Amino acid sequence: MAHRSKNINIFLMDGDVTGRMKCTLSNWTGVLYKIPRIQLASLKERDELKQSGIYFLFGKDDETQKDITYIGQATTRKNGEGVLLRVQEHTRDSHADYFNDVIILTTQNNSFGPTEISYLENSFTNLAKEA
């Protein structure tokens, strides 16, 4: 079986590999952002982050020093906000102090519906448990 080539575009938004990144794959409407927690507010004007999406919060448990990943979803809200606002809500939760980096998966054309979001969250959660 022949494998098809793919072109991945990683845009270093700050010109630095430790900063914000936007990743796209040719012929796919998905957009992936990697954002350090301290830079979440700097993306509030990006329209695609006001849409539905899946997010991953990455950090370490203070006591055990083990890696922790939280996987969540957010749909577009009545106030016009979406996945970025949901992630920012976690920064105000005292039980979510552990995370330092966020990955957000959304689309360029707001094509994630409730079914797709729930399916992706469940699939990623199951993959994380298996890993």
N, C-alpha and C. Protein backbone atom coordinates (compact mmCIF):
# COMPACT_ATOMS: atom_id res chain seq x y z
N MET A 1 0.84 -1.18 0.00
CA MET A 1 0.00 0.00 0.00
C MET A 1 0.89 1.24 0.00
N ALA A 2 0.66 2.12 -0.93
CA ALA A 2 1.45 3.34 -1.04
C ALA A 2 0.97 4.38 -0.04
N HIS A 3 1.91 5.06 0.57
CA HIS A 3 1.59 6.12 1.51
C HIS A 3 1.63 7.46 0.79
N ARG A 4 0.67 8.30 1.09
CA ARG A 4 0.62 9.62 0.48
C ARG A 4 1.44 10.61 1.28
N SER A 5 2.12 11.47 0.59
CA SER A 5 2.92 12.51 1.24
C SER A 5 2.00 13.56 1.84
N LYS A 6 2.49 14.21 2.88
CA LYS A 6 1.73 15.28 3.53
C LYS A 6 2.68 16.44 3.80
N ASN A 7 2.12 17.61 3.79
CA ASN A 7 2.88 18.81 4.09
C ASN A 7 2.34 19.43 5.37
N ILE A 8 3.15 19.48 6.41
CA ILE A 8 2.76 20.08 7.68
C ILE A 8 3.43 21.45 7.77
N ASN A 9 2.63 22.45 8.07
CA ASN A 9 3.14 23.81 8.23
C ASN A 9 3.10 24.17 9.71
N ILE A 10 4.26 24.45 10.29
CA ILE A 10 4.34 24.89 11.68
C ILE A 10 4.80 26.34 11.67
N PHE A 11 3.90 27.21 12.10
CA PHE A 11 4.18 28.64 12.13
C PHE A 11 4.55 29.02 13.56
N LEU A 12 5.78 29.46 13.76
CA LEU A 12 6.24 29.90 15.07
C LEU A 12 5.79 31.34 15.24
N MET A 13 4.69 31.53 15.94
CA MET A 13 4.05 32.84 16.03
C MET A 13 4.93 33.90 16.68
N ASP A 14 5.84 33.46 17.54
CA ASP A 14 6.76 34.38 18.22
C ASP A 14 8.18 34.24 17.71
N GLY A 15 8.38 33.39 16.69
CA GLY A 15 9.71 33.15 16.15
C GLY A 15 10.56 32.27 17.05
N ASP A 16 9.93 31.56 17.98
CA ASP A 16 10.65 30.77 18.98
C ASP A 16 9.92 29.44 19.18
N VAL A 17 10.66 28.34 19.24
CA VAL A 17 10.03 27.03 19.40
C VAL A 17 9.40 26.82 20.77
N THR A 18 9.71 27.65 21.74
CA THR A 18 9.09 27.53 23.06
C THR A 18 7.87 28.43 23.20
N GLY A 19 7.58 29.22 22.17
CA GLY A 19 6.44 30.13 22.20
C GLY A 19 5.20 29.52 21.56
N ARG A 20 4.34 30.41 21.10
CA ARG A 20 3.08 29.99 20.48
C ARG A 20 3.34 29.41 19.09
N MET A 21 2.60 28.34 18.75
CA MET A 21 2.72 27.70 17.44
C MET A 21 1.34 27.49 16.84
N LYS A 22 1.27 27.63 15.53
CA LYS A 22 0.05 27.30 14.78
C LYS A 22 0.45 26.26 13.75
N CYS A 23 -0.25 25.13 13.75
CA CYS A 23 0.08 24.03 12.85
C CYS A 23 -1.10 23.73 11.93
N THR A 24 -0.80 23.56 10.66
CA THR A 24 -1.82 23.19 9.68
C THR A 24 -1.27 22.06 8.83
N LEU A 25 -2.19 21.32 8.24
CA LEU A 25 -1.86 20.21 7.36
C LEU A 25 -2.53 20.50 6.03
N SER A 26 -1.78 20.38 4.94
CA SER A 26 -2.36 20.68 3.63
C SER A 26 -3.55 19.77 3.36
N ASN A 27 -4.55 20.33 2.71
CA ASN A 27 -5.80 19.62 2.35
C ASN A 27 -6.60 19.17 3.57
N TRP A 28 -6.52 19.90 4.68
CA TRP A 28 -7.29 19.61 5.88
C TRP A 28 -7.70 20.93 6.51
N THR A 29 -8.93 21.02 7.00
CA THR A 29 -9.40 22.29 7.56
C THR A 29 -9.03 22.47 9.02
N GLY A 30 -8.43 21.46 9.62
CA GLY A 30 -8.05 21.54 11.03
C GLY A 30 -6.91 22.51 11.27
N VAL A 31 -6.91 23.08 12.48
CA VAL A 31 -5.84 23.96 12.94
C VAL A 31 -5.49 23.55 14.35
N LEU A 32 -4.20 23.44 14.62
CA LEU A 32 -3.73 23.05 15.93
C LEU A 32 -2.87 24.19 16.48
N TYR A 33 -3.15 24.59 17.70
CA TYR A 33 -2.33 25.60 18.37
C TYR A 33 -1.66 24.99 19.58
N LYS A 34 -0.41 25.33 19.78
CA LYS A 34 0.32 25.00 21.00
C LYS A 34 0.61 26.34 21.67
N ILE A 35 0.14 26.49 22.90
CA ILE A 35 0.22 27.79 23.57
C ILE A 35 0.74 27.62 24.99
N PRO A 36 1.80 28.32 25.36
CA PRO A 36 2.19 28.33 26.77
C PRO A 36 1.09 29.03 27.59
N ARG A 37 0.83 28.54 28.77
CA ARG A 37 -0.24 29.09 29.61
C ARG A 37 -0.13 30.60 29.78
N ILE A 38 1.08 31.09 29.96
CA ILE A 38 1.25 32.52 30.22
C ILE A 38 0.94 33.39 29.00
N GLN A 39 0.72 32.78 27.84
CA GLN A 39 0.43 33.54 26.63
C GLN A 39 -0.99 33.34 26.12
N LEU A 40 -1.86 32.74 26.91
CA LEU A 40 -3.23 32.48 26.47
C LEU A 40 -3.97 33.77 26.12
N ALA A 41 -3.82 34.79 26.92
CA ALA A 41 -4.55 36.04 26.69
C ALA A 41 -4.16 36.71 25.38
N SER A 42 -2.96 36.43 24.89
CA SER A 42 -2.49 37.09 23.66
C SER A 42 -3.20 36.58 22.41
N LEU A 43 -4.04 35.56 22.54
CA LEU A 43 -4.72 34.99 21.37
C LEU A 43 -6.22 35.29 21.35
N LYS A 44 -6.69 36.17 22.21
CA LYS A 44 -8.13 36.39 22.33
C LYS A 44 -8.77 36.99 21.08
N GLU A 45 -7.99 37.55 20.19
CA GLU A 45 -8.54 38.14 18.97
C GLU A 45 -8.60 37.16 17.80
N ARG A 46 -8.11 35.97 17.96
CA ARG A 46 -8.10 34.98 16.87
C ARG A 46 -9.49 34.34 16.77
N ASP A 47 -10.16 34.59 15.67
CA ASP A 47 -11.54 34.12 15.49
C ASP A 47 -11.67 32.61 15.55
N GLU A 48 -10.69 31.86 15.03
CA GLU A 48 -10.82 30.41 15.05
C GLU A 48 -10.79 29.84 16.47
N LEU A 49 -10.30 30.60 17.44
CA LEU A 49 -10.28 30.13 18.82
C LEU A 49 -11.58 30.49 19.55
N LYS A 50 -12.49 31.14 18.85
CA LYS A 50 -13.82 31.43 19.39
C LYS A 50 -14.82 30.38 18.92
N GLN A 51 -14.33 29.36 18.25
CA GLN A 51 -15.15 28.28 17.69
C GLN A 51 -15.12 27.07 18.62
N SER A 52 -15.77 26.01 18.18
CA SER A 52 -15.73 24.74 18.89
C SER A 52 -14.35 24.11 18.74
N GLY A 53 -13.96 23.32 19.73
CA GLY A 53 -12.68 22.64 19.63
C GLY A 53 -12.42 21.70 20.79
N ILE A 54 -11.34 20.98 20.66
CA ILE A 54 -10.84 20.07 21.68
C ILE A 54 -9.56 20.70 22.24
N TYR A 55 -9.33 20.53 23.54
CA TYR A 55 -8.10 21.08 24.11
C TYR A 55 -7.46 20.08 25.06
N PHE A 56 -6.15 20.23 25.19
CA PHE A 56 -5.33 19.39 26.06
C PHE A 56 -4.55 20.32 26.98
N LEU A 57 -4.63 20.09 28.28
CA LEU A 57 -3.84 20.84 29.26
C LEU A 57 -2.72 19.92 29.73
N PHE A 58 -1.47 20.37 29.61
CA PHE A 58 -0.31 19.56 29.96
C PHE A 58 0.43 20.17 31.14
N GLY A 59 0.78 19.33 32.10
CA GLY A 59 1.54 19.80 33.24
C GLY A 59 2.08 18.64 34.05
N LYS A 60 2.49 18.94 35.29
CA LYS A 60 3.03 17.92 36.19
C LYS A 60 2.33 18.01 37.53
N ASP A 61 2.13 16.85 38.15
CA ASP A 61 1.59 16.80 39.50
C ASP A 61 2.69 17.27 40.46
N ASP A 62 2.37 18.24 41.32
CA ASP A 62 3.37 18.80 42.23
C ASP A 62 3.93 17.76 43.21
N GLU A 63 3.10 16.85 43.64
CA GLU A 63 3.54 15.87 44.63
C GLU A 63 4.34 14.72 44.01
N THR A 64 3.82 14.15 42.92
CA THR A 64 4.45 12.97 42.34
C THR A 64 5.40 13.30 41.18
N GLN A 65 5.33 14.50 40.67
CA GLN A 65 6.12 14.94 39.50
C GLN A 65 5.81 14.12 38.25
N LYS A 66 4.65 13.45 38.24
CA LYS A 66 4.23 12.72 37.06
C LYS A 66 3.50 13.67 36.11
N ASP A 67 3.62 13.36 34.81
CA ASP A 67 2.93 14.16 33.81
C ASP A 67 1.42 14.01 33.95
N ILE A 68 0.71 15.12 33.75
CA ILE A 68 -0.75 15.12 33.80
C ILE A 68 -1.25 15.73 32.49
N THR A 69 -2.28 15.11 31.94
CA THR A 69 -2.94 15.67 30.76
C THR A 69 -4.44 15.67 31.01
N TYR A 70 -5.05 16.82 30.81
CA TYR A 70 -6.51 16.92 30.88
C TYR A 70 -7.01 17.16 29.46
N ILE A 71 -8.03 16.42 29.06
CA ILE A 71 -8.60 16.56 27.72
C ILE A 71 -10.03 17.05 27.87
N GLY A 72 -10.35 18.14 27.18
CA GLY A 72 -11.69 18.70 27.28
C GLY A 72 -12.20 19.17 25.93
N GLN A 73 -13.43 19.61 25.94
CA GLN A 73 -14.06 20.11 24.72
C GLN A 73 -14.80 21.40 25.02
N ALA A 74 -15.02 22.17 24.00
CA ALA A 74 -15.82 23.39 24.13
C ALA A 74 -16.53 23.64 22.82
N THR A 75 -17.79 24.01 22.93
CA THR A 75 -18.54 24.39 21.74
C THR A 75 -18.66 25.90 21.71
N THR A 76 -19.05 26.43 20.58
CA THR A 76 -19.27 27.86 20.47
C THR A 76 -20.41 28.25 21.40
N ARG A 77 -20.21 29.29 22.17
CA ARG A 77 -21.20 29.69 23.16
C ARG A 77 -22.07 30.82 22.65
N LYS A 78 -23.13 31.07 23.35
CA LYS A 78 -24.06 32.13 22.95
C LYS A 78 -23.40 33.50 22.93
N ASN A 79 -22.38 33.69 23.76
CA ASN A 79 -21.69 34.97 23.80
C ASN A 79 -20.64 35.10 22.69
N GLY A 80 -20.61 34.12 21.79
CA GLY A 80 -19.68 34.18 20.67
C GLY A 80 -18.29 33.66 20.98
N GLU A 81 -18.08 33.17 22.19
CA GLU A 81 -16.78 32.64 22.59
C GLU A 81 -16.80 31.13 22.49
N GLY A 82 -15.62 30.53 22.43
CA GLY A 82 -15.54 29.09 22.28
C GLY A 82 -14.42 28.48 23.09
N VAL A 83 -13.56 27.75 22.41
CA VAL A 83 -12.57 26.91 23.07
C VAL A 83 -11.53 27.72 23.87
N LEU A 84 -11.10 28.86 23.38
CA LEU A 84 -10.10 29.64 24.13
C LEU A 84 -10.66 30.13 25.45
N LEU A 85 -11.90 30.60 25.45
CA LEU A 85 -12.51 31.06 26.70
C LEU A 85 -12.62 29.91 27.69
N ARG A 86 -12.97 28.72 27.20
CA ARG A 86 -13.07 27.56 28.09
C ARG A 86 -11.72 27.23 28.72
N VAL A 87 -10.66 27.29 27.92
CA VAL A 87 -9.32 27.04 28.46
C VAL A 87 -8.96 28.11 29.49
N GLN A 88 -9.28 29.36 29.20
CA GLN A 88 -8.97 30.44 30.15
C GLN A 88 -9.74 30.27 31.46
N GLU A 89 -10.92 29.67 31.42
CA GLU A 89 -11.66 29.40 32.65
C GLU A 89 -10.86 28.46 33.55
N HIS A 90 -10.11 27.55 32.97
CA HIS A 90 -9.28 26.63 33.77
C HIS A 90 -8.19 27.39 34.53
N THR A 91 -7.72 28.51 34.01
CA THR A 91 -6.66 29.25 34.70
C THR A 91 -7.17 29.88 35.98
N ARG A 92 -8.47 29.99 36.13
CA ARG A 92 -9.06 30.56 37.36
C ARG A 92 -9.42 29.48 38.37
N ASP A 93 -9.31 28.21 37.97
CA ASP A 93 -9.62 27.09 38.87
C ASP A 93 -8.38 26.74 39.68
N SER A 94 -8.51 26.72 41.01
CA SER A 94 -7.35 26.39 41.84
C SER A 94 -6.88 24.96 41.62
N HIS A 95 -7.77 24.04 41.26
CA HIS A 95 -7.36 22.65 41.03
C HIS A 95 -6.68 22.45 39.68
N ALA A 96 -6.60 23.49 38.87
CA ALA A 96 -5.98 23.36 37.54
C ALA A 96 -4.68 24.16 37.45
N ASP A 97 -4.02 24.36 38.58
CA ASP A 97 -2.76 25.12 38.59
C ASP A 97 -1.61 24.34 37.97
N TYR A 98 -1.79 23.05 37.75
CA TYR A 98 -0.72 22.18 37.30
C TYR A 98 -0.28 22.42 35.86
N PHE A 99 -1.15 22.95 35.00
CA PHE A 99 -0.80 22.94 33.58
C PHE A 99 0.01 24.17 33.17
N ASN A 100 0.95 23.90 32.25
CA ASN A 100 1.84 24.94 31.73
C ASN A 100 1.65 25.19 30.25
N ASP A 101 1.17 24.17 29.55
CA ASP A 101 1.00 24.28 28.09
C ASP A 101 -0.38 23.77 27.69
N VAL A 102 -0.86 24.33 26.59
CA VAL A 102 -2.18 23.97 26.06
C VAL A 102 -2.03 23.65 24.58
N ILE A 103 -2.75 22.64 24.15
CA ILE A 103 -2.89 22.37 22.71
C ILE A 103 -4.37 22.47 22.41
N ILE A 104 -4.70 23.24 21.40
CA ILE A 104 -6.09 23.42 20.99
C ILE A 104 -6.23 22.93 19.55
N LEU A 105 -7.24 22.09 19.34
CA LEU A 105 -7.56 21.60 18.00
C LEU A 105 -8.92 22.16 17.61
N THR A 106 -8.94 22.92 16.52
CA THR A 106 -10.18 23.49 16.00
C THR A 106 -10.11 23.43 14.48
N THR A 107 -10.98 24.15 13.82
CA THR A 107 -10.99 24.15 12.35
C THR A 107 -10.94 25.58 11.82
N GLN A 108 -10.59 25.69 10.56
CA GLN A 108 -10.54 27.00 9.92
C GLN A 108 -11.94 27.51 9.57
N ASN A 109 -12.91 26.60 9.49
CA ASN A 109 -14.24 26.98 9.02
C ASN A 109 -15.36 26.63 10.01
N ASN A 110 -15.03 26.44 11.27
CA ASN A 110 -16.00 26.13 12.32
C ASN A 110 -16.87 24.94 11.95
N SER A 111 -16.27 23.89 11.46
CA SER A 111 -17.03 22.73 10.98
C SER A 111 -17.21 21.64 12.04
N PHE A 112 -16.67 21.81 13.24
CA PHE A 112 -16.90 20.83 14.30
C PHE A 112 -18.29 21.03 14.88
N GLY A 113 -19.11 20.00 14.80
CA GLY A 113 -20.42 20.02 15.44
C GLY A 113 -20.34 19.27 16.76
N PRO A 114 -21.44 19.23 17.51
CA PRO A 114 -21.44 18.55 18.81
C PRO A 114 -21.05 17.07 18.72
N THR A 115 -21.47 16.40 17.67
CA THR A 115 -21.14 14.98 17.52
C THR A 115 -19.65 14.79 17.31
N GLU A 116 -19.06 15.59 16.42
CA GLU A 116 -17.62 15.47 16.15
C GLU A 116 -16.80 15.80 17.40
N ILE A 117 -17.20 16.84 18.12
CA ILE A 117 -16.48 17.24 19.33
C ILE A 117 -16.51 16.12 20.37
N SER A 118 -17.68 15.57 20.61
CA SER A 118 -17.81 14.49 21.60
C SER A 118 -17.02 13.25 21.18
N TYR A 119 -17.09 12.93 19.91
CA TYR A 119 -16.34 11.77 19.40
C TYR A 119 -14.84 11.98 19.59
N LEU A 120 -14.34 13.15 19.20
CA LEU A 120 -12.90 13.41 19.32
C LEU A 120 -12.44 13.41 20.77
N GLU A 121 -13.21 14.04 21.65
CA GLU A 121 -12.83 14.05 23.06
C GLU A 121 -12.76 12.63 23.60
N ASN A 122 -13.76 11.83 23.29
CA ASN A 122 -13.78 10.44 23.75
C ASN A 122 -12.61 9.64 23.16
N SER A 123 -12.36 9.81 21.88
CA SER A 123 -11.26 9.07 21.23
C SER A 123 -9.90 9.45 21.82
N PHE A 124 -9.66 10.76 21.99
CA PHE A 124 -8.39 11.20 22.56
C PHE A 124 -8.24 10.74 24.01
N THR A 125 -9.33 10.75 24.77
CA THR A 125 -9.28 10.28 26.16
C THR A 125 -8.93 8.80 26.20
N ASN A 126 -9.54 8.01 25.34
CA ASN A 126 -9.23 6.58 25.30
C ASN A 126 -7.79 6.32 24.88
N LEU A 127 -7.31 7.07 23.89
CA LEU A 127 -5.91 6.92 23.47
C LEU A 127 -4.96 7.29 24.61
N ALA A 128 -5.28 8.34 25.35
CA ALA A 128 -4.43 8.75 26.47
C ALA A 128 -4.40 7.69 27.55
N LYS A 129 -5.55 7.09 27.84
CA LYS A 129 -5.59 6.03 28.85
C LYS A 129 -4.76 4.83 28.43
N GLU A 130 -4.82 4.47 27.14
CA GLU A 130 -4.04 3.35 26.63
C GLU A 130 -2.54 3.62 26.70
N ALA A 131 -2.16 4.88 26.48
CA ALA A 131 -0.75 5.23 26.49
C ALA A 131 -0.21 5.20 27.91
